[in-house]
């Protein structure tokens, strides 16, 4: 089933475009984090698609699995840090 990764790649490219536009307009660090997270998400989905399409050896499968796992970790970490910046900037100053 390659339709799932293909749809997620298209949605990821849309997210990269939107966050790139928001980062260019505002220049805020929180949008840069979301831009990097969405770009990593697209790279992970491309790795999943390659893993589905290629029936390569054990080494290539291991490398693709590591890219997928660590890409998810990095994307979640960047999303959480961007959300932390959103919360920090929304608090009133004392």
Protein backbone atom coordinates (compact mmCIF):
# COMPACT_ATOMS: atom_id res chain seq x y z
CA UNK A 1 0.00 0.00 0.00
CA UNK A 2 1.95 2.98 -1.25
CA UNK A 3 -1.01 5.35 -1.20
CA UNK A 4 -0.59 6.17 2.49
CA UNK A 5 3.00 7.42 2.23
CA UNK A 6 2.24 9.23 -1.05
CA UNK A 7 -0.63 11.17 0.51
CA UNK A 8 1.46 11.97 3.59
CA UNK A 9 4.31 13.18 1.36
CA UNK A 10 1.94 15.55 -0.47
CA UNK A 11 0.51 16.83 2.81
CA UNK A 12 4.04 17.20 4.17
CA UNK A 13 5.10 19.30 1.18
CA UNK A 14 2.07 21.52 1.76
CA UNK A 15 3.05 21.87 5.43
CA UNK A 16 6.62 22.75 4.43
CA UNK A 17 5.30 25.44 2.08
CA UNK A 18 2.96 26.95 4.67
CA UNK A 19 5.55 26.99 7.44
CA UNK A 20 8.17 28.41 5.08
CA UNK A 21 5.77 31.23 4.20
CA UNK A 22 5.01 31.87 7.89
CA UNK A 23 8.71 31.89 8.75
CA UNK A 24 9.48 34.33 5.92
CA UNK A 25 6.65 36.66 6.95
CA UNK A 26 7.31 36.68 10.70
CA UNK A 27 10.90 35.54 11.09
CA UNK A 28 10.03 33.82 14.36
CA UNK A 29 11.94 30.89 15.78
CA UNK A 30 8.76 28.91 16.44
CA UNK A 31 7.93 28.79 12.74
CA UNK A 32 11.48 27.74 11.92
CA UNK A 33 11.09 24.78 14.27
CA UNK A 34 7.83 23.79 12.62
CA UNK A 35 9.44 24.18 9.19
CA UNK A 36 12.28 21.84 10.14
CA UNK A 37 9.86 19.36 11.71
CA UNK A 38 7.70 19.25 8.59
CA UNK A 39 10.77 18.86 6.36
CA UNK A 40 12.00 15.96 8.51
CA UNK A 41 8.51 14.46 8.33
CA UNK A 42 8.63 14.56 4.52
CA UNK A 43 12.08 12.94 4.53
CA UNK A 44 10.82 10.18 6.83
CA UNK A 45 7.81 9.53 4.60
CA UNK A 46 10.10 9.33 1.54
CA UNK A 47 12.20 6.78 3.45
CA UNK A 48 9.04 4.79 4.23
CA UNK A 49 8.07 4.88 0.55
CA UNK A 50 11.53 3.70 -0.47
CA UNK A 51 11.35 0.93 2.12
CA UNK A 52 8.06 -0.22 0.61
CA UNK A 53 9.24 -0.04 -3.00
CA UNK A 54 12.75 -1.44 -2.65
CA UNK A 55 13.41 -5.00 -1.71
CA UNK A 56 17.04 -4.33 -0.85
CA UNK A 57 19.43 -6.18 1.38
CA UNK A 58 19.55 -6.23 5.14
CA UNK A 59 21.93 -3.28 5.45
CA UNK A 60 19.76 -0.94 3.37
CA UNK A 61 16.64 -2.03 5.26
CA UNK A 62 18.42 -1.38 8.57
CA UNK A 63 19.52 2.09 7.44
CA UNK A 64 16.01 2.98 6.26
CA UNK A 65 14.52 1.74 9.54
CA UNK A 66 16.98 3.86 11.52
CA UNK A 67 16.17 6.92 9.41
CA UNK A 68 12.46 6.34 10.00
CA UNK A 69 12.77 5.88 13.77
CA UNK A 70 15.18 8.75 14.43
CA UNK A 71 13.32 11.02 12.03
CA UNK A 72 10.15 10.53 14.05
CA UNK A 73 12.05 11.35 17.25
CA UNK A 74 13.55 14.53 15.80
CA UNK A 75 10.24 15.68 14.31
CA UNK A 76 8.38 15.21 17.59
CA UNK A 77 11.15 17.00 19.51
CA UNK A 78 11.03 19.98 17.15
CA UNK A 79 7.23 20.14 17.31
CA UNK A 80 7.26 20.08 21.11
CA UNK A 81 9.93 22.78 21.31
CA UNK A 82 7.96 24.96 18.88
CA UNK A 83 4.83 24.49 20.96
CA UNK A 84 6.83 25.51 24.02
CA UNK A 85 7.77 28.73 22.21
CA UNK A 86 4.12 29.34 21.32
CA UNK A 87 3.12 28.98 24.98
CA UNK A 88 6.02 31.14 26.18
CA UNK A 89 5.15 33.99 23.82
CA UNK A 90 1.46 33.87 24.68
CA UNK A 91 2.04 34.47 28.39
CA UNK A 92 1.61 38.08 29.54
CA UNK A 93 4.64 40.01 30.74
CA UNK A 94 4.83 40.96 34.39
